[in-house]
Amino acid sequence: MKHTITVLMTLSIFLIVNAQSYKSEFRAEICTCLEEESLKRTLTDNAFKACLRETLPKYATQIDAQIVEEDIDKKFYKGQLARKDLLVAMQSELIYSCDVYYDHIYFIRNSKKLIARENAKESDLEKYDQMVALRPNAMAYFMRAKVQFNLGNIKETEADINKSLELNTNKDNVKSTRHELLLLAWVYEEQERYAEAIALYDKIYFGDLDTQVAQLRALADRKNGGTIANIAKTGVIEAEKEIETSTRRRERRGNASSKEIENKTLELNRSKTGQPQVEEKTDSSTLRKLFKMGNG
């Protein structure tokens, strides 16, 4: 008995360690794939997605090994969540661990800034100066801040954003000020005030699907000397809640379908006998279970 317990404990420890280590191996293999692609052509998002599709199946066994769940449907669902979380995490984690990916993401962002600055005109600033003079509200200051940034007027941009935030009646609502704070964080980065930029990204980070902010934060943190240990904590999806929601949805569909079957059965019996069938009632709970299994 003791021997069996020891074996089980050893196996559990092995699975946990294996689950923790496969992520770094997965990152390394994705990076290798991207490096090979970069030797052939300029990296694109499609190349990144192709590397993910090519690499993910190799780790299916290791991903599923970390899921302890007896229910087959729930285990499958958790496995899908684990795969999705892994793919989402790669979009920011690789910025720390893969130079070619970091260069790719940085190039895309910097290119947008340079293109905007090439197209910026002083005459645009004059127009928004008039807007601020006529209607000095939060929107007017923010619109002028964007023009100031495109013109490379960093200090003026910061001043306008701060004024916009000051006048915004919803300034305490992060969702309402998301665009202003994103631009302010970029202003901080332009001034190499990375810690302040990171603090803003943390403030407006919505969770694991907010990949834009996660990537921007990782870029700023790496430029500040940060490592992957500093990565933003992804919004944890409460798997059990999602599973319960999915289960309830299936049960509702099952209830509707079983009710329909009951009605059709009664109609058939009436057509045969001319009388309502009342001798036996369909066990709707059993039908629900069947429909649940069928939809699982």
C-alpha atoms as a PDB file:
ATOM      1  CA  MET A   1       0.000   0.000   0.000  1.00  0.00           C
ATOM      2  CA  LYS A   2       2.756   2.418   0.967  1.00  0.00           C
ATOM      3  CA  HIS A   3       4.585   1.523  -2.214  1.00  0.00           C
ATOM      4  CA  THR A   4       1.479   2.311  -4.287  1.00  0.00           C
ATOM      5  CA  ILE A   5       1.047   5.698  -2.579  1.00  0.00           C
ATOM      6  CA  THR A   6       4.700   6.527  -3.178  1.00  0.00           C
ATOM      7  CA  VAL A   7       4.387   5.652  -6.852  1.00  0.00           C
ATOM      8  CA  LEU A   8       1.272   7.787  -7.210  1.00  0.00           C
ATOM      9  CA  MET A   9       2.898  10.745  -5.460  1.00  0.00           C
ATOM     10  CA  THR A  10       5.985  10.430  -7.664  1.00  0.00           C
ATOM     11  CA  LEU A  11       3.819  10.306 -10.763  1.00  0.00           C
ATOM     12  CA  SER A  12       1.860  13.379  -9.641  1.00  0.00           C
ATOM     13  CA  ILE A  13       5.056  15.335  -9.020  1.00  0.00           C
ATOM     14  CA  PHE A  14       6.382  14.279 -12.418  1.00  0.00           C
ATOM     15  CA  LEU A  15       3.209  15.460 -14.162  1.00  0.00           C
ATOM     16  CA  ILE A  16       3.311  18.825 -12.379  1.00  0.00           C
ATOM     17  CA  VAL A  17       6.962  19.425 -13.241  1.00  0.00           C
ATOM     18  CA  ASN A  18       6.351  18.274 -16.797  1.00  0.00           C
ATOM     19  CA  ALA A  19       3.386  20.617 -17.136  1.00  0.00           C
ATOM     20  CA  GLN A  20       5.470  23.545 -15.911  1.00  0.00           C
ATOM     21  CA  SER A  21       8.421  22.802 -18.178  1.00  0.00           C
ATOM     22  CA  TYR A  22       6.584  22.234 -21.460  1.00  0.00           C
ATOM     23  CA  LYS A  23       5.669  25.922 -21.713  1.00  0.00           C
ATOM     24  CA  SER A  24       9.293  27.020 -21.918  1.00  0.00           C
ATOM     25  CA  GLU A  25       9.956  24.271 -24.457  1.00  0.00           C
ATOM     26  CA  PHE A  26       6.925  25.403 -26.430  1.00  0.00           C
ATOM     27  CA  ARG A  27       8.189  29.008 -26.449  1.00  0.00           C
ATOM     28  CA  ALA A  28      11.621  27.884 -27.593  1.00  0.00           C
ATOM     29  CA  GLU A  29      10.204  25.810 -30.446  1.00  0.00           C
ATOM     30  CA  ILE A  30       7.942  28.644 -31.611  1.00  0.00           C
ATOM     31  CA  CYS A  31      10.947  30.988 -31.545  1.00  0.00           C
ATOM     32  CA  THR A  32      13.007  28.569 -33.638  1.00  0.00           C
ATOM     33  CA  CYS A  33      10.192  28.371 -36.159  1.00  0.00           C
ATOM     34  CA  LEU A  34      10.011  32.188 -36.336  1.00  0.00           C
ATOM     35  CA  GLU A  35      13.767  32.466 -36.750  1.00  0.00           C
ATOM     36  CA  GLU A  36      13.646  30.064 -39.684  1.00  0.00           C
ATOM     37  CA  GLU A  37      10.776  32.014 -41.242  1.00  0.00           C
ATOM     38  CA  SER A  38      12.635  35.321 -40.810  1.00  0.00           C
ATOM     39  CA  LEU A  39      15.510  33.963 -42.900  1.00  0.00           C
ATOM     40  CA  LYS A  40      13.118  33.417 -45.829  1.00  0.00           C
ATOM     41  CA  ARG A  41      10.999  36.576 -45.658  1.00  0.00           C
ATOM     42  CA  THR A  42       9.880  39.467 -43.473  1.00  0.00           C
ATOM     43  CA  LEU A  43       7.884  38.130 -40.550  1.00  0.00           C
ATOM     44  CA  THR A  44       4.122  38.569 -40.588  1.00  0.00           C
ATOM     45  CA  ASP A  45       1.272  37.696 -38.247  1.00  0.00           C
ATOM     46  CA  ASN A  46       0.413  34.840 -40.585  1.00  0.00           C
ATOM     47  CA  ALA A  47       3.891  33.376 -40.095  1.00  0.00           C
ATOM     48  CA  PHE A  48       3.390  33.548 -36.329  1.00  0.00           C
ATOM     49  CA  LYS A  49       0.022  31.794 -36.590  1.00  0.00           C
ATOM     50  CA  ALA A  50       1.501  29.147 -38.875  1.00  0.00           C
ATOM     51  CA  CYS A  51       4.228  28.402 -36.333  1.00  0.00           C
ATOM     52  CA  LEU A  52       1.599  28.050 -33.613  1.00  0.00           C
ATOM     53  CA  ARG A  53      -0.487  25.650 -35.717  1.00  0.00           C
ATOM     54  CA  GLU A  54       2.588  23.599 -36.544  1.00  0.00           C
ATOM     55  CA  THR A  55       3.872  23.377 -32.972  1.00  0.00           C
ATOM     56  CA  LEU A  56       0.746  23.039 -30.818  1.00  0.00           C
ATOM     57  CA  PRO A  57      -0.194  19.428 -31.769  1.00  0.00           C
ATOM     58  CA  LYS A  58       3.223  18.233 -30.575  1.00  0.00           C
ATOM     59  CA  TYR A  59       2.351  19.312 -27.037  1.00  0.00           C
ATOM     60  CA  ALA A  60      -1.200  17.953 -26.846  1.00  0.00           C
ATOM     61  CA  THR A  61      -0.249  15.087 -24.516  1.00  0.00           C
ATOM     62  CA  GLN A  62       1.659  17.370 -22.144  1.00  0.00           C
ATOM     63  CA  ILE A  63      -1.163  19.909 -22.064  1.00  0.00           C
ATOM     64  CA  ASP A  64      -3.755  17.266 -21.226  1.00  0.00           C
ATOM     65  CA  ALA A  65      -1.499  15.618 -18.650  1.00  0.00           C
ATOM     66  CA  GLN A  66      -1.843  18.594 -16.314  1.00  0.00           C
ATOM     67  CA  ILE A  67      -5.646  18.434 -16.301  1.00  0.00           C
ATOM     68  CA  VAL A  68      -7.014  16.386 -13.435  1.00  0.00           C
ATOM     69  CA  GLU A  69     -10.667  15.800 -14.232  1.00  0.00           C
ATOM     70  CA  GLU A  70     -12.721  12.591 -14.310  1.00  0.00           C
ATOM     71  CA  ASP A  71     -15.628  13.977 -16.310  1.00  0.00           C
ATOM     72  CA  ILE A  72     -14.745  13.493 -19.986  1.00  0.00           C
ATOM     73  CA  ASP A  73     -16.708  16.509 -21.190  1.00  0.00           C
ATOM     74  CA  LYS A  74     -15.197  18.802 -18.572  1.00  0.00           C
ATOM     75  CA  LYS A  75     -11.702  17.507 -19.240  1.00  0.00           C
ATOM     76  CA  PHE A  76     -12.087  18.176 -22.952  1.00  0.00           C
ATOM     77  CA  TYR A  77     -13.401  21.664 -22.262  1.00  0.00           C
ATOM     78  CA  LYS A  78     -10.570  22.454 -19.839  1.00  0.00           C
ATOM     79  CA  GLY A  79      -8.125  21.137 -22.415  1.00  0.00           C
ATOM     80  CA  GLN A  80      -9.481  23.583 -24.973  1.00  0.00           C
ATOM     81  CA  LEU A  81      -9.166  26.424 -22.456  1.00  0.00           C
ATOM     82  CA  ALA A  82      -5.585  25.407 -21.690  1.00  0.00           C
ATOM     83  CA  ARG A  83      -4.703  25.463 -25.382  1.00  0.00           C
ATOM     84  CA  LYS A  84      -6.333  28.841 -25.872  1.00  0.00           C
ATOM     85  CA  ASP A  85      -4.582  30.288 -22.811  1.00  0.00           C
ATOM     86  CA  LEU A  86      -1.248  28.979 -24.078  1.00  0.00           C
ATOM     87  CA  LEU A  87      -1.684  30.570 -27.507  1.00  0.00           C
ATOM     88  CA  VAL A  88      -2.778  33.882 -26.008  1.00  0.00           C
ATOM     89  CA  ALA A  89       0.149  33.916 -23.570  1.00  0.00           C
ATOM     90  CA  MET A  90       2.653  33.355 -26.384  1.00  0.00           C
ATOM     91  CA  GLN A  91       1.762  36.717 -27.932  1.00  0.00           C
ATOM     92  CA  SER A  92       3.393  38.552 -25.038  1.00  0.00           C
ATOM     93  CA  GLU A  93       5.726  35.948 -23.495  1.00  0.00           C
ATOM     94  CA  LEU A  94       7.707  35.606 -26.733  1.00  0.00           C
ATOM     95  CA  ILE A  95       8.519  39.319 -26.587  1.00  0.00           C
ATOM     96  CA  TYR A  96      10.734  38.519 -23.602  1.00  0.00           C
ATOM     97  CA  SER A  97      12.243  35.266 -24.799  1.00  0.00           C
ATOM     98  CA  CYS A  98      12.502  35.549 -28.594  1.00  0.00           C
ATOM     99  CA  ASP A  99      14.533  38.377 -30.129  1.00  0.00           C
ATOM    100  CA  VAL A 100      13.180  37.921 -33.641  1.00  0.00           C
ATOM    101  CA  TYR A 101       9.598  38.161 -32.350  1.00  0.00           C
ATOM    102  CA  TYR A 102      10.434  41.190 -30.196  1.00  0.00           C
ATOM    103  CA  ASP A 103      11.941  42.905 -33.248  1.00  0.00           C
ATOM    104  CA  HIS A 104       8.842  42.048 -35.291  1.00  0.00           C
ATOM    105  CA  ILE A 105       6.360  43.510 -32.771  1.00  0.00           C
ATOM    106  CA  TYR A 106       8.537  46.560 -32.115  1.00  0.00           C
ATOM    107  CA  PHE A 107       8.919  47.186 -35.857  1.00  0.00           C
ATOM    108  CA  ILE A 108       5.145  47.102 -36.418  1.00  0.00           C
ATOM    109  CA  ARG A 109       4.505  49.583 -33.631  1.00  0.00           C
ATOM    110  CA  ASN A 110       7.337  51.918 -34.552  1.00  0.00           C
ATOM    111  CA  SER A 111       6.326  51.871 -38.219  1.00  0.00           C
ATOM    112  CA  LYS A 112       2.836  53.098 -37.354  1.00  0.00           C
ATOM    113  CA  LYS A 113       4.344  55.993 -35.405  1.00  0.00           C
ATOM    114  CA  LEU A 114       6.759  56.956 -38.184  1.00  0.00           C
ATOM    115  CA  ILE A 115       4.067  56.812 -40.876  1.00  0.00           C
ATOM    116  CA  ALA A 116       1.794  59.020 -38.761  1.00  0.00           C
ATOM    117  CA  ARG A 117       4.615  61.536 -38.264  1.00  0.00           C
ATOM    118  CA  GLU A 118       5.383  61.646 -41.972  1.00  0.00           C
ATOM    119  CA  ASN A 119       1.758  62.521 -42.692  1.00  0.00           C
ATOM    120  CA  ALA A 120       1.313  64.995 -39.840  1.00  0.00           C
ATOM    121  CA  LYS A 121       0.884  68.674 -40.744  1.00  0.00           C
ATOM    122  CA  GLU A 122       1.246  71.847 -38.690  1.00  0.00           C
ATOM    123  CA  SER A 123      -2.003  73.049 -40.243  1.00  0.00           C
ATOM    124  CA  ASP A 124      -3.790  70.211 -38.446  1.00  0.00           C
ATOM    125  CA  LEU A 125      -2.501  71.568 -35.151  1.00  0.00           C
ATOM    126  CA  GLU A 126      -3.893  75.017 -35.954  1.00  0.00           C
ATOM    127  CA  LYS A 127      -7.331  73.489 -36.478  1.00  0.00           C
ATOM    128  CA  TYR A 128      -7.291  71.774 -33.076  1.00  0.00           C
ATOM    129  CA  ASP A 129      -5.900  74.894 -31.420  1.00  0.00           C
ATOM    130  CA  GLN A 130      -9.073  76.586 -32.558  1.00  0.00           C
ATOM    131  CA  MET A 131     -11.182  73.705 -31.286  1.00  0.00           C
ATOM    132  CA  VAL A 132      -9.586  73.950 -27.837  1.00  0.00           C
ATOM    133  CA  ALA A 133     -10.083  77.717 -27.838  1.00  0.00           C
ATOM    134  CA  LEU A 134     -13.760  77.455 -28.761  1.00  0.00           C
ATOM    135  CA  ARG A 135     -14.681  74.343 -26.748  1.00  0.00           C
ATOM    136  CA  PRO A 136     -12.003  73.513 -24.173  1.00  0.00           C
ATOM    137  CA  ASN A 137     -13.432  70.136 -23.187  1.00  0.00           C
ATOM    138  CA  ALA A 138     -11.845  66.706 -22.671  1.00  0.00           C
ATOM    139  CA  MET A 139     -12.396  65.588 -26.272  1.00  0.00           C
ATOM    140  CA  ALA A 140     -10.828  68.737 -27.766  1.00  0.00           C
ATOM    141  CA  TYR A 141      -7.678  68.342 -25.673  1.00  0.00           C
ATOM    142  CA  PHE A 142      -7.410  64.637 -26.513  1.00  0.00           C
ATOM    143  CA  MET A 143      -7.809  65.256 -30.248  1.00  0.00           C
ATOM    144  CA  ARG A 144      -5.088  67.901 -30.107  1.00  0.00           C
ATOM    145  CA  ALA A 145      -2.894  65.553 -28.046  1.00  0.00           C
ATOM    146  CA  LYS A 146      -2.969  62.986 -30.865  1.00  0.00           C
ATOM    147  CA  VAL A 147      -1.883  65.607 -33.381  1.00  0.00           C
ATOM    148  CA  GLN A 148       0.853  66.803 -31.032  1.00  0.00           C
ATOM    149  CA  PHE A 149       2.135  63.242 -30.730  1.00  0.00           C
ATOM    150  CA  ASN A 150       2.143  62.719 -34.484  1.00  0.00           C
ATOM    151  CA  LEU A 151       4.154  65.925 -34.844  1.00  0.00           C
ATOM    152  CA  GLY A 152       6.648  64.667 -32.277  1.00  0.00           C
ATOM    153  CA  ASN A 153       5.725  67.261 -29.652  1.00  0.00           C
ATOM    154  CA  ILE A 154       5.997  64.904 -26.694  1.00  0.00           C
ATOM    155  CA  LYS A 155       5.839  67.391 -23.810  1.00  0.00           C
ATOM    156  CA  GLU A 156       2.859  69.153 -25.378  1.00  0.00           C
ATOM    157  CA  THR A 157       1.161  65.788 -25.881  1.00  0.00           C
ATOM    158  CA  GLU A 158       1.555  64.920 -22.222  1.00  0.00           C
ATOM    159  CA  ALA A 159       0.153  68.293 -21.145  1.00  0.00           C
ATOM    160  CA  ASP A 160      -2.909  67.924 -23.391  1.00  0.00           C
ATOM    161  CA  ILE A 161      -3.651  64.382 -22.251  1.00  0.00           C
ATOM    162  CA  ASN A 162      -3.420  65.365 -18.596  1.00  0.00           C
ATOM    163  CA  LYS A 163      -5.788  68.265 -19.271  1.00  0.00           C
ATOM    164  CA  SER A 164      -8.154  65.922 -21.094  1.00  0.00           C
ATOM    165  CA  LEU A 165      -8.160  63.533 -18.141  1.00  0.00           C
ATOM    166  CA  GLU A 166      -8.690  66.403 -15.735  1.00  0.00           C
ATOM    167  CA  LEU A 167     -11.795  67.583 -17.611  1.00  0.00           C
ATOM    168  CA  ASN A 168     -13.211  64.103 -18.267  1.00  0.00           C
ATOM    169  CA  THR A 169     -16.275  63.544 -16.080  1.00  0.00           C
ATOM    170  CA  ASN A 170     -15.589  59.791 -16.257  1.00  0.00           C
ATOM    171  CA  LYS A 171     -11.882  60.058 -15.490  1.00  0.00           C
ATOM    172  CA  ASP A 172     -12.154  57.360 -12.801  1.00  0.00           C
ATOM    173  CA  ASN A 173     -13.604  54.902 -15.317  1.00  0.00           C
ATOM    174  CA  VAL A 174     -10.681  53.096 -16.961  1.00  0.00           C
ATOM    175  CA  LYS A 175     -12.806  51.996 -19.918  1.00  0.00           C
ATOM    176  CA  SER A 176     -13.817  55.587 -20.641  1.00  0.00           C
ATOM    177  CA  THR A 177     -10.212  56.816 -20.562  1.00  0.00           C
ATOM    178  CA  ARG A 178      -8.544  53.818 -22.180  1.00  0.00           C
ATOM    179  CA  HIS A 179      -7.444  55.656 -25.345  1.00  0.00           C
ATOM    180  CA  GLU A 180      -6.087  58.611 -23.385  1.00  0.00           C
ATOM    181  CA  LEU A 181      -4.125  56.351 -21.052  1.00  0.00           C
ATOM    182  CA  LEU A 182      -2.753  54.275 -23.936  1.00  0.00           C
ATOM    183  CA  LEU A 183      -1.405  57.430 -25.568  1.00  0.00           C
ATOM    184  CA  LEU A 184      -0.035  58.714 -22.267  1.00  0.00           C
ATOM    185  CA  ALA A 185       1.792  55.405 -21.736  1.00  0.00           C
ATOM    186  CA  TRP A 186       3.350  55.792 -25.198  1.00  0.00           C
ATOM    187  CA  VAL A 187       4.421  59.321 -24.260  1.00  0.00           C
ATOM    188  CA  TYR A 188       6.135  57.920 -21.173  1.00  0.00           C
ATOM    189  CA  GLU A 189       7.919  55.341 -23.320  1.00  0.00           C
ATOM    190  CA  GLU A 190       9.134  58.069 -25.674  1.00  0.00           C
ATOM    191  CA  GLN A 191      10.672  59.712 -22.619  1.00  0.00           C
ATOM    192  CA  GLU A 192      12.066  56.379 -21.382  1.00  0.00           C
ATOM    193  CA  ARG A 193       9.837  56.567 -18.321  1.00  0.00           C
ATOM    194  CA  TYR A 194       9.149  52.872 -18.647  1.00  0.00           C
ATOM    195  CA  ALA A 195       8.049  52.193 -15.072  1.00  0.00           C
ATOM    196  CA  GLU A 196       5.296  54.800 -15.391  1.00  0.00           C
ATOM    197  CA  ALA A 197       4.207  53.365 -18.740  1.00  0.00           C
ATOM    198  CA  ILE A 198       4.045  49.852 -17.283  1.00  0.00           C
ATOM    199  CA  ALA A 199       1.922  51.114 -14.381  1.00  0.00           C
ATOM    200  CA  LEU A 200      -0.569  52.576 -16.870  1.00  0.00           C
ATOM    201  CA  TYR A 201      -0.687  49.362 -18.887  1.00  0.00           C
ATOM    202  CA  ASP A 202      -1.419  47.456 -15.690  1.00  0.00           C
ATOM    203  CA  LYS A 203      -4.204  49.906 -14.911  1.00  0.00           C
ATOM    204  CA  ILE A 204      -6.006  49.482 -18.225  1.00  0.00           C
ATOM    205  CA  TYR A 205      -5.302  45.771 -18.737  1.00  0.00           C
ATOM    206  CA  PHE A 206      -8.627  43.967 -19.157  1.00  0.00           C
ATOM    207  CA  GLY A 207      -7.448  40.373 -18.973  1.00  0.00           C
ATOM    208  CA  ASP A 208      -6.143  37.503 -21.033  1.00  0.00           C
ATOM    209  CA  LEU A 209      -7.878  38.544 -24.261  1.00  0.00           C
ATOM    210  CA  ASP A 210      -6.456  42.073 -24.085  1.00  0.00           C
ATOM    211  CA  THR A 211      -3.418  41.047 -26.110  1.00  0.00           C
ATOM    212  CA  GLN A 212      -2.750  44.570 -27.368  1.00  0.00           C
ATOM    213  CA  VAL A 213      -2.036  45.923 -23.889  1.00  0.00           C
ATOM    214  CA  ALA A 214      -0.210  42.754 -22.848  1.00  0.00           C
ATOM    215  CA  GLN A 215       2.151  43.160 -25.806  1.00  0.00           C
ATOM    216  CA  LEU A 216       2.696  46.872 -25.217  1.00  0.00           C
ATOM    217  CA  ARG A 217       3.439  46.197 -21.573  1.00  0.00           C
ATOM    218  CA  ALA A 218       5.910  43.465 -22.460  1.00  0.00           C
ATOM    219  CA  LEU A 219       7.673  45.773 -24.937  1.00  0.00           C
ATOM    220  CA  ALA A 220       8.018  48.527 -22.322  1.00  0.00           C
ATOM    221  CA  ASP A 221       9.100  46.093 -19.636  1.00  0.00           C
ATOM    222  CA  ARG A 222      11.761  44.465 -21.803  1.00  0.00           C
ATOM    223  CA  LYS A 223      13.126  47.897 -22.775  1.00  0.00           C
ATOM    224  CA  ASN A 224      13.268  48.597 -19.057  1.00  0.00           C
ATOM    225  CA  GLY A 225      15.364  45.470 -18.498  1.00  0.00           C
ATOM    226  CA  GLY A 226      12.479  43.286 -17.345  1.00  0.00           C
ATOM    227  CA  THR A 227      12.288  39.531 -17.802  1.00  0.00           C
ATOM    228  CA  ILE A 228       9.439  37.121 -18.418  1.00  0.00           C
ATOM    229  CA  ALA A 229       9.034  36.804 -14.640  1.00  0.00           C
ATOM    230  CA  ASN A 230       7.536  40.324 -14.724  1.00  0.00           C
ATOM    231  CA  ILE A 231       4.897  39.488 -17.285  1.00  0.00           C
ATOM    232  CA  ALA A 232       1.381  40.725 -16.661  1.00  0.00           C
ATOM    233  CA  LYS A 233      -0.841  38.227 -14.935  1.00  0.00           C
ATOM    234  CA  THR A 234      -3.392  37.145 -17.484  1.00  0.00           C
ATOM    235  CA  GLY A 235      -7.029  37.398 -16.558  1.00  0.00           C
ATOM    236  CA  VAL A 236      -7.804  33.956 -15.179  1.00  0.00           C
ATOM    237  CA  ILE A 237     -10.779  32.369 -16.828  1.00  0.00           C
ATOM    238  CA  GLU A 238     -12.898  30.642 -14.222  1.00  0.00           C
ATOM    239  CA  ALA A 239     -13.139  27.336 -16.013  1.00  0.00           C
ATOM    240  CA  GLU A 240     -15.692  25.871 -13.656  1.00  0.00           C
ATOM    241  CA  LYS A 241     -18.051  28.804 -14.221  1.00  0.00           C
ATOM    242  CA  GLU A 242     -17.688  28.487 -17.967  1.00  0.00           C
ATOM    243  CA  ILE A 243     -18.294  24.766 -17.750  1.00  0.00           C
ATOM    244  CA  GLU A 244     -21.374  25.323 -15.595  1.00  0.00           C
ATOM    245  CA  THR A 245     -22.673  27.931 -18.030  1.00  0.00           C
ATOM    246  CA  SER A 246     -22.106  25.573 -20.945  1.00  0.00           C
ATOM    247  CA  THR A 247     -23.793  22.744 -19.046  1.00  0.00           C
ATOM    248  CA  ARG A 248     -26.820  24.890 -18.231  1.00  0.00           C
ATOM    249  CA  ARG A 249     -27.043  25.918 -21.871  1.00  0.00           C
ATOM    250  CA  ARG A 250     -27.025  22.282 -22.966  1.00  0.00           C
ATOM    251  CA  GLU A 251     -29.625  21.420 -20.349  1.00  0.00           C
ATOM    252  CA  ARG A 252     -31.882  24.235 -21.560  1.00  0.00           C
ATOM    253  CA  ARG A 253     -31.588  22.894 -25.078  1.00  0.00           C
ATOM    254  CA  GLY A 254     -32.274  19.431 -23.694  1.00  0.00           C
ATOM    255  CA  ASN A 255     -35.353  20.653 -21.820  1.00  0.00           C
ATOM    256  CA  ALA A 256     -36.749  22.311 -24.931  1.00  0.00           C
ATOM    257  CA  SER A 257     -36.077  19.218 -27.042  1.00  0.00           C
ATOM    258  CA  SER A 258     -37.540  16.791 -24.482  1.00  0.00           C
ATOM    259  CA  LYS A 259     -40.662  18.919 -24.151  1.00  0.00           C
ATOM    260  CA  GLU A 260     -41.045  18.867 -27.914  1.00  0.00           C
ATOM    261  CA  ILE A 261     -40.740  15.065 -27.900  1.00  0.00           C
ATOM    262  CA  GLU A 262     -43.370  14.797 -25.159  1.00  0.00           C
ATOM    263  CA  ASN A 263     -45.797  16.984 -27.118  1.00  0.00           C
ATOM    264  CA  LYS A 264     -45.271  15.007 -30.323  1.00  0.00           C
ATOM    265  CA  THR A 265     -45.784  11.732 -28.421  1.00  0.00           C
ATOM    266  CA  LEU A 266     -49.065  12.992 -26.947  1.00  0.00           C
ATOM    267  CA  GLU A 267     -50.240  14.179 -30.333  1.00  0.00           C
ATOM    268  CA  LEU A 268     -49.422  10.784 -31.846  1.00  0.00           C
ATOM    269  CA  ASN A 269     -51.318   8.970 -29.091  1.00  0.00           C
ATOM    270  CA  ARG A 270     -54.338  11.264 -29.504  1.00  0.00           C
ATOM    271  CA  SER A 271     -54.372  10.611 -33.235  1.00  0.00           C
ATOM    272  CA  LYS A 272     -54.360   6.856 -32.594  1.00  0.00           C
ATOM    273  CA  THR A 273     -56.882   6.648 -29.732  1.00  0.00           C
ATOM    274  CA  GLY A 274     -58.729   9.912 -29.830  1.00  0.00           C
ATOM    275  CA  GLN A 275     -57.915  10.337 -26.119  1.00  0.00           C
ATOM    276  CA  PRO A 276     -55.032  12.001 -24.318  1.00  0.00           C
ATOM    277  CA  GLN A 277     -52.411   9.533 -23.142  1.00  0.00           C
ATOM    278  CA  VAL A 278     -52.157   9.901 -19.343  1.00  0.00           C
ATOM    279  CA  GLU A 279     -51.098   6.439 -18.238  1.00  0.00           C
ATOM    280  CA  GLU A 280     -47.354   7.143 -18.324  1.00  0.00           C
ATOM    281  CA  LYS A 281     -45.283  10.327 -18.251  1.00  0.00           C
ATOM    282  CA  THR A 282     -41.991  10.647 -20.051  1.00  0.00           C
ATOM    283  CA  ASP A 283     -39.104  10.862 -17.620  1.00  0.00           C
ATOM    284  CA  SER A 284     -37.861  14.306 -18.660  1.00  0.00           C
ATOM    285  CA  SER A 285     -34.862  14.091 -16.362  1.00  0.00           C
ATOM    286  CA  THR A 286     -33.673  10.962 -18.161  1.00  0.00           C
ATOM    287  CA  LEU A 287     -34.190  12.644 -21.504  1.00  0.00           C
ATOM    288  CA  ARG A 288     -32.215  15.649 -20.287  1.00  0.00           C
ATOM    289  CA  LYS A 289     -29.340  13.373 -19.413  1.00  0.00           C
ATOM    290  CA  LEU A 290     -29.468  11.799 -22.854  1.00  0.00           C
ATOM    291  CA  PHE A 291     -29.483  15.150 -24.565  1.00  0.00           C
ATOM    292  CA  LYS A 292     -26.647  16.265 -22.305  1.00  0.00           C
ATOM    293  CA  MET A 293     -24.606  13.245 -23.356  1.00  0.00           C
ATOM    294  CA  GLY A 294     -25.460  13.815 -26.991  1.00  0.00           C
ATOM    295  CA  ASN A 295     -24.400  17.429 -26.866  1.00  0.00           C
ATOM    296  CA  GLY A 296     -21.277  16.729 -24.861  1.00  0.00           C
END
